[in-house]
Structures are given as structure tokens and as C-alpha cells.
Amino acid sequence: MSNYQPPGPSQELAQPPVPPPYPPMGGPAGGMNGGYYGPPPLTGLGGWLVLFQICMYYYLFASIVASAGGFILLAMAYAKADVYDQLTQTMQISGELYQSLLTFTVIYTSIAAIYLIVILIWFYRKKRILPKLVLGFCVLDAVAILATYFMSPSQLNTSIVSTIIHLLVLAAWVAYFLRARRVKNTFVR
């Protein structure tokens, strides 16, 4: 006598496959018997995010150059170099005021460069927190732009038009990161 039983049909009921929540790559949503064709989901680092990457790399480069240039000018000011004195005399600005503006510029651009490196790293890792970081950076940059505009003496000819354009660009990026479907679909981890 043996306990051997031949294999038989499985006792589990077969479950029908669950359709995806959206049609893959724009295929029919209702199956083969009709339905509609929906657009594929917007994901990935394409679209306007390509322009955002270009802007971030440009801004990172500009921040590094501004930090280095400001640091060199500050070093010349502390070394009491004749070039620094000639520069402030040519601009008809006091050395102390120009030195405080340079100090602010060096500190801000150094912080901005580090912040941008973090943003770019998390951008390529598609982290969920990236839109909030970008919004924080835009607010920080707007405050720095306005502070620089109001701290600058009239001799430096800081243009209100360029300040307004920069603020409008920042507002456009804030609106994009708050509303864009591609941003919501890409940065989900």
C-alpha cells in the first residue's frame, strides 16, 4: 500500500490578470474591442526638465566663477593691494561698502554652489524631495537677488530690468515644479 497520488489539476482558482491603471504606451484602454487611446504617461528627464538641467549647470558654473572672483577681490582688499584701491576709486564707491557687498556675494554664491550640487545629484536619482528643494532654492535665490539689488549703490548700475527678468524666470520654475505632470510622475521615489 502506498500513499502516492498522481498529480491532478490544481485546486486553486485561476485569477484573471489585472489590467494596468493606464494603457501601456498609448495602447487601447478597453482591450481589443474598442476603447480609447490615451497618451503615454509623462515620465523621465525629458521635456522642460532638459532646459532645467541646462539652467542648473549654467548657474552652478556662474556660482563657482563668482565665488572665485569675489574671493580673489576680498583677498586683495585684505592685502591692501593697489589694484583694489584703484577699482573702488574708479567705481566711486567706498571700500567698506564694496567689501561688504563682496563678502555677501562670496558667502551666497558658495552656498548656492553647494545647494546646486545637491539638487543635481538628487535630480539624477529622481528623489521625491527634489521639487521641494528646487522651490527652496528659488526662494533663496529671489531673496539674494533682491538683497543684492537693494544693497548695491547706484554707482554699480544694477539694472531693475535684469532683476525683474531673473525673478520671473524663478517664478516660472516654481510654477512648473508645482504643476507639471512630468515632475509628479518622475520624482516619486
C-alpha atoms as a PDB file:
ATOM      1  CA  MET A   1       0.000   0.000   0.000  1.00  0.00           C
ATOM      2  CA  SER A   2       1.374   3.412  -0.916  1.00  0.00           C
ATOM      3  CA  ASN A   3       0.408   6.997  -0.284  1.00  0.00           C
ATOM      4  CA  TYR A   4       1.313   8.039  -3.782  1.00  0.00           C
ATOM      5  CA  GLN A   5      -1.313  10.092  -5.577  1.00  0.00           C
ATOM      6  CA  PRO A   6      -0.916  11.054  -9.200  1.00  0.00           C
ATOM      7  CA  PRO A   7      -0.683  14.778  -9.863  1.00  0.00           C
ATOM      8  CA  GLY A   8      -4.027  16.273 -10.647  1.00  0.00           C
ATOM      9  CA  PRO A   9      -5.397  19.632 -11.529  1.00  0.00           C
ATOM     10  CA  SER A  10      -4.560  22.440  -9.174  1.00  0.00           C
ATOM     11  CA  GLN A  11      -7.147  23.168  -6.514  1.00  0.00           C
ATOM     12  CA  GLU A  12      -6.596  26.938  -6.718  1.00  0.00           C
ATOM     13  CA  LEU A  13      -8.865  29.038  -8.866  1.00  0.00           C
ATOM     14  CA  ALA A  14      -7.105  30.909 -11.615  1.00  0.00           C
ATOM     15  CA  GLN A  15      -7.354  34.685 -11.240  1.00  0.00           C
ATOM     16  CA  PRO A  16      -7.712  36.786 -14.377  1.00  0.00           C
ATOM     17  CA  PRO A  17      -4.828  39.207 -14.972  1.00  0.00           C
ATOM     18  CA  VAL A  18      -5.318  42.712 -13.602  1.00  0.00           C
ATOM     19  CA  PRO A  19      -5.032  45.392 -16.290  1.00  0.00           C
ATOM     20  CA  PRO A  20      -2.595  48.250 -15.674  1.00  0.00           C
ATOM     21  CA  PRO A  21      -4.059  51.543 -14.408  1.00  0.00           C
ATOM     22  CA  TYR A  22      -3.194  53.223 -17.713  1.00  0.00           C
ATOM     23  CA  PRO A  23      -2.705  51.815 -21.185  1.00  0.00           C
ATOM     24  CA  PRO A  24       0.918  50.909 -21.860  1.00  0.00           C
ATOM     25  CA  MET A  25       2.500  53.292 -24.379  1.00  0.00           C
ATOM     26  CA  GLY A  26      -0.809  54.627 -25.613  1.00  0.00           C
ATOM     27  CA  GLY A  27      -2.476  51.297 -26.357  1.00  0.00           C
ATOM     28  CA  PRO A  28      -6.212  50.712 -26.151  1.00  0.00           C
ATOM     29  CA  ALA A  29      -7.604  51.108 -22.654  1.00  0.00           C
ATOM     30  CA  GLY A  30     -10.716  48.998 -23.198  1.00  0.00           C
ATOM     31  CA  GLY A  31      -8.995  45.971 -24.674  1.00  0.00           C
ATOM     32  CA  MET A  32      -9.240  44.777 -28.237  1.00  0.00           C
ATOM     33  CA  ASN A  33     -12.967  45.500 -28.555  1.00  0.00           C
ATOM     34  CA  GLY A  34     -12.712  49.243 -28.725  1.00  0.00           C
ATOM     35  CA  GLY A  35     -11.836  51.784 -26.121  1.00  0.00           C
ATOM     36  CA  TYR A  36      -9.818  54.919 -26.363  1.00  0.00           C
ATOM     37  CA  TYR A  37      -6.206  55.617 -26.961  1.00  0.00           C
ATOM     38  CA  GLY A  38      -4.646  57.567 -24.140  1.00  0.00           C
ATOM     39  CA  PRO A  39      -1.345  59.387 -24.215  1.00  0.00           C
ATOM     40  CA  PRO A  40       1.623  57.656 -22.654  1.00  0.00           C
ATOM     41  CA  PRO A  41       2.468  58.851 -19.157  1.00  0.00           C
ATOM     42  CA  LEU A  42       4.950  61.700 -18.971  1.00  0.00           C
ATOM     43  CA  THR A  43       7.966  60.412 -17.080  1.00  0.00           C
ATOM     44  CA  GLY A  44      11.698  60.732 -17.278  1.00  0.00           C
ATOM     45  CA  LEU A  45      14.100  63.619 -17.559  1.00  0.00           C
ATOM     46  CA  GLY A  46      12.813  64.908 -20.884  1.00  0.00           C
ATOM     47  CA  GLY A  47      10.669  67.847 -21.880  1.00  0.00           C
ATOM     48  CA  TRP A  48      11.226  71.046 -19.921  1.00  0.00           C
ATOM     49  CA  LEU A  49      13.442  69.168 -17.472  1.00  0.00           C
ATOM     50  CA  VAL A  50      16.175  69.217 -20.142  1.00  0.00           C
ATOM     51  CA  LEU A  51      16.114  73.018 -20.052  1.00  0.00           C
ATOM     52  CA  PHE A  52      16.124  72.876 -16.246  1.00  0.00           C
ATOM     53  CA  GLN A  53      19.296  70.755 -16.327  1.00  0.00           C
ATOM     54  CA  ILE A  54      20.996  73.231 -18.642  1.00  0.00           C
ATOM     55  CA  CYS A  55      19.994  76.127 -16.393  1.00  0.00           C
ATOM     56  CA  MET A  56      21.286  74.352 -13.281  1.00  0.00           C
ATOM     57  CA  TYR A  57      24.664  73.583 -14.871  1.00  0.00           C
ATOM     58  CA  TYR A  58      24.970  77.174 -16.087  1.00  0.00           C
ATOM     59  CA  TYR A  59      24.031  78.523 -12.682  1.00  0.00           C
ATOM     60  CA  LEU A  60      26.483  76.173 -10.962  1.00  0.00           C
ATOM     61  CA  PHE A  61      29.282  77.345 -13.260  1.00  0.00           C
ATOM     62  CA  ALA A  62      28.352  81.007 -12.688  1.00  0.00           C
ATOM     63  CA  SER A  63      28.252  80.482  -8.909  1.00  0.00           C
ATOM     64  CA  ILE A  64      31.693  78.898  -8.871  1.00  0.00           C
ATOM     65  CA  VAL A  65      33.171  81.671 -11.027  1.00  0.00           C
ATOM     66  CA  ALA A  66      31.521  84.392  -8.912  1.00  0.00           C
ATOM     67  CA  SER A  67      32.758  82.757  -5.700  1.00  0.00           C
ATOM     68  CA  ALA A  68      36.307  82.548  -7.016  1.00  0.00           C
ATOM     69  CA  GLY A  69      36.293  86.108  -8.340  1.00  0.00           C
ATOM     70  CA  GLY A  70      34.807  87.515  -5.158  1.00  0.00           C
ATOM     71  CA  PHE A  71      37.289  85.591  -3.042  1.00  0.00           C
ATOM     72  CA  ILE A  72      40.203  86.984  -5.076  1.00  0.00           C
ATOM     73  CA  LEU A  73      38.893  90.539  -4.726  1.00  0.00           C
ATOM     74  CA  LEU A  74      38.397  90.061  -0.976  1.00  0.00           C
ATOM     75  CA  ALA A  75      41.935  88.720  -0.649  1.00  0.00           C
ATOM     76  CA  MET A  76      43.204  91.789  -2.487  1.00  0.00           C
ATOM     77  CA  ALA A  77      41.170  94.041  -0.168  1.00  0.00           C
ATOM     78  CA  TYR A  78      42.621  92.427   2.955  1.00  0.00           C
ATOM     79  CA  ALA A  79      46.120  92.554   1.475  1.00  0.00           C
ATOM     80  CA  LYS A  80      45.618  96.272   0.792  1.00  0.00           C
ATOM     81  CA  ALA A  81      46.561  95.862  -2.859  1.00  0.00           C
ATOM     82  CA  ASP A  82      46.744  98.934  -5.032  1.00  0.00           C
ATOM     83  CA  VAL A  83      44.557  97.269  -7.673  1.00  0.00           C
ATOM     84  CA  TYR A  84      41.656  97.052  -5.210  1.00  0.00           C
ATOM     85  CA  ASP A  85      42.027 100.725  -4.263  1.00  0.00           C
ATOM     86  CA  GLN A  86      42.091 101.729  -7.928  1.00  0.00           C
ATOM     87  CA  LEU A  87      38.986  99.612  -8.561  1.00  0.00           C
ATOM     88  CA  THR A  88      36.982 101.276  -5.796  1.00  0.00           C
ATOM     89  CA  GLN A  89      38.168 104.737  -6.889  1.00  0.00           C
ATOM     90  CA  THR A  90      37.177 104.041 -10.493  1.00  0.00           C
ATOM     91  CA  MET A  91      33.702 102.944  -9.409  1.00  0.00           C
ATOM     92  CA  GLN A  92      33.476 105.896  -6.992  1.00  0.00           C
ATOM     93  CA  ILE A  93      32.400 103.674  -4.134  1.00  0.00           C
ATOM     94  CA  SER A  94      33.725 103.358  -0.626  1.00  0.00           C
ATOM     95  CA  GLY A  95      35.987 100.403   0.056  1.00  0.00           C
ATOM     96  CA  GLU A  96      33.963  99.252   3.091  1.00  0.00           C
ATOM     97  CA  LEU A  97      30.663  99.173   1.210  1.00  0.00           C
ATOM     98  CA  TYR A  98      32.194  97.295  -1.709  1.00  0.00           C
ATOM     99  CA  GLN A  99      33.896  94.893   0.679  1.00  0.00           C
ATOM    100  CA  SER A 100      30.608  94.103   2.458  1.00  0.00           C
ATOM    101  CA  LEU A 101      28.919  93.517  -0.908  1.00  0.00           C
ATOM    102  CA  LEU A 102      31.768  91.202  -1.936  1.00  0.00           C
ATOM    103  CA  THR A 103      31.522  89.298   1.342  1.00  0.00           C
ATOM    104  CA  PHE A 104      27.790  88.784   0.828  1.00  0.00           C
ATOM    105  CA  THR A 105      28.400  87.653  -2.767  1.00  0.00           C
ATOM    106  CA  VAL A 106      31.098  85.138  -1.799  1.00  0.00           C
ATOM    107  CA  ILE A 107      29.017  83.643   1.011  1.00  0.00           C
ATOM    108  CA  TYR A 108      25.841  83.404  -1.069  1.00  0.00           C
ATOM    109  CA  THR A 109      27.465  82.003  -4.209  1.00  0.00           C
ATOM    110  CA  SER A 110      29.350  79.394  -2.180  1.00  0.00           C
ATOM    111  CA  ILE A 111      26.115  78.267  -0.512  1.00  0.00           C
ATOM    112  CA  ALA A 112      24.339  78.306  -3.898  1.00  0.00           C
ATOM    113  CA  ALA A 113      27.062  76.153  -5.497  1.00  0.00           C
ATOM    114  CA  ILE A 114      26.778  73.515  -2.765  1.00  0.00           C
ATOM    115  CA  TYR A 115      22.967  73.630  -2.929  1.00  0.00           C
ATOM    116  CA  LEU A 116      23.057  73.195  -6.719  1.00  0.00           C
ATOM    117  CA  ILE A 117      25.364  70.188  -6.479  1.00  0.00           C
ATOM    118  CA  VAL A 118      22.893  68.562  -4.063  1.00  0.00           C
ATOM    119  CA  ILE A 119      19.988  69.416  -6.387  1.00  0.00           C
ATOM    120  CA  LEU A 120      21.757  67.899  -9.394  1.00  0.00           C
ATOM    121  CA  ILE A 121      22.661  64.706  -7.526  1.00  0.00           C
ATOM    122  CA  TRP A 122      19.087  64.206  -6.331  1.00  0.00           C
ATOM    123  CA  PHE A 123      17.777  65.213  -9.742  1.00  0.00           C
ATOM    124  CA  TYR A 124      19.504  62.269 -11.417  1.00  0.00           C
ATOM    125  CA  ARG A 125      18.472  59.927  -8.616  1.00  0.00           C
ATOM    126  CA  LYS A 126      14.854  61.074  -9.139  1.00  0.00           C
ATOM    127  CA  LYS A 127      14.206  61.678  -5.445  1.00  0.00           C
ATOM    128  CA  ARG A 128      10.753  62.713  -4.296  1.00  0.00           C
ATOM    129  CA  ILE A 129      12.106  65.654  -2.297  1.00  0.00           C
ATOM    130  CA  LEU A 130      13.644  67.340  -5.356  1.00  0.00           C
ATOM    131  CA  PRO A 131      10.670  69.614  -6.200  1.00  0.00           C
ATOM    132  CA  LYS A 132      10.730  70.974  -2.644  1.00  0.00           C
ATOM    133  CA  LEU A 133      14.486  71.548  -2.879  1.00  0.00           C
ATOM    134  CA  VAL A 134      14.057  73.420  -6.144  1.00  0.00           C
ATOM    135  CA  LEU A 135      11.314  75.565  -4.622  1.00  0.00           C
ATOM    136  CA  GLY A 136      13.550  76.318  -1.640  1.00  0.00           C
ATOM    137  CA  PHE A 137      16.413  77.246  -3.935  1.00  0.00           C
ATOM    138  CA  CYS A 138      14.196  79.571  -5.977  1.00  0.00           C
ATOM    139  CA  VAL A 139      13.049  81.367  -2.817  1.00  0.00           C
ATOM    140  CA  LEU A 140      16.642  81.634  -1.552  1.00  0.00           C
ATOM    141  CA  ASP A 141      17.819  82.972  -4.908  1.00  0.00           C
ATOM    142  CA  ALA A 142      14.972  85.521  -5.078  1.00  0.00           C
ATOM    143  CA  VAL A 143      15.865  86.812  -1.607  1.00  0.00           C
ATOM    144  CA  ALA A 144      19.541  87.057  -2.583  1.00  0.00           C
ATOM    145  CA  ILE A 145      18.710  88.872  -5.828  1.00  0.00           C
ATOM    146  CA  LEU A 146      16.551  91.416  -4.031  1.00  0.00           C
ATOM    147  CA  ALA A 147      19.125  91.863  -1.253  1.00  0.00           C
ATOM    148  CA  THR A 148      21.888  92.442  -3.797  1.00  0.00           C
ATOM    149  CA  TYR A 149      19.739  94.920  -5.690  1.00  0.00           C
ATOM    150  CA  PHE A 150      18.919  96.948  -2.592  1.00  0.00           C
ATOM    151  CA  MET A 151      22.442  96.731  -1.126  1.00  0.00           C
ATOM    152  CA  SER A 152      24.135  97.831  -4.346  1.00  0.00           C
ATOM    153  CA  PRO A 153      24.918 101.515  -4.595  1.00  0.00           C
ATOM    154  CA  SER A 154      23.725 103.434  -7.622  1.00  0.00           C
ATOM    155  CA  GLN A 155      27.284 103.597  -8.988  1.00  0.00           C
ATOM    156  CA  LEU A 156      27.231  99.870  -9.781  1.00  0.00           C
ATOM    157  CA  ASN A 157      24.309 100.393 -12.193  1.00  0.00           C
ATOM    158  CA  THR A 158      22.332  97.364 -11.076  1.00  0.00           C
ATOM    159  CA  SER A 159      19.517  97.098 -13.603  1.00  0.00           C
ATOM    160  CA  ILE A 160      15.953  96.723 -12.401  1.00  0.00           C
ATOM    161  CA  VAL A 161      15.066  95.061 -15.727  1.00  0.00           C
ATOM    162  CA  SER A 162      17.567  92.222 -15.273  1.00  0.00           C
ATOM    163  CA  THR A 163      16.411  91.786 -11.662  1.00  0.00           C
ATOM    164  CA  ILE A 164      12.764  91.518 -12.750  1.00  0.00           C
ATOM    165  CA  ILE A 165      13.616  89.062 -15.558  1.00  0.00           C
ATOM    166  CA  HIS A 166      15.564  86.866 -13.125  1.00  0.00           C
ATOM    167  CA  LEU A 167      12.627  86.896 -10.678  1.00  0.00           C
ATOM    168  CA  LEU A 168      10.193  85.997 -13.481  1.00  0.00           C
ATOM    169  CA  VAL A 169      12.365  83.045 -14.528  1.00  0.00           C
ATOM    170  CA  LEU A 170      12.410  81.830 -10.932  1.00  0.00           C
ATOM    171  CA  ALA A 171       8.620  82.200 -10.721  1.00  0.00           C
ATOM    172  CA  ALA A 172       8.247  80.165 -13.931  1.00  0.00           C
ATOM    173  CA  TRP A 173      10.358  77.314 -12.499  1.00  0.00           C
ATOM    174  CA  VAL A 174       8.310  77.376  -9.281  1.00  0.00           C
ATOM    175  CA  ALA A 175       5.082  77.137 -11.280  1.00  0.00           C
ATOM    176  CA  TYR A 176       6.489  74.306 -13.400  1.00  0.00           C
ATOM    177  CA  PHE A 177       7.647  72.254 -10.427  1.00  0.00           C
ATOM    178  CA  LEU A 178       4.323  72.748  -8.653  1.00  0.00           C
ATOM    179  CA  ARG A 179       2.039  71.895 -11.573  1.00  0.00           C
ATOM    180  CA  ALA A 180       3.833  69.740 -14.154  1.00  0.00           C
ATOM    181  CA  ARG A 181       2.635  66.180 -14.619  1.00  0.00           C
ATOM    182  CA  ARG A 182       6.114  65.067 -15.724  1.00  0.00           C
ATOM    183  CA  VAL A 183       7.591  66.281 -12.423  1.00  0.00           C
ATOM    184  CA  LYS A 184       4.950  64.416 -10.417  1.00  0.00           C
ATOM    185  CA  ASN A 185       5.448  61.211 -12.433  1.00  0.00           C
ATOM    186  CA  THR A 186       9.263  61.326 -12.448  1.00  0.00           C
ATOM    187  CA  PHE A 187      10.176  62.209  -8.874  1.00  0.00           C
ATOM    188  CA  VAL A 188       8.224  59.561  -6.964  1.00  0.00           C
ATOM    189  CA  ARG A 189      10.908  57.614  -5.089  1.00  0.00           C
END
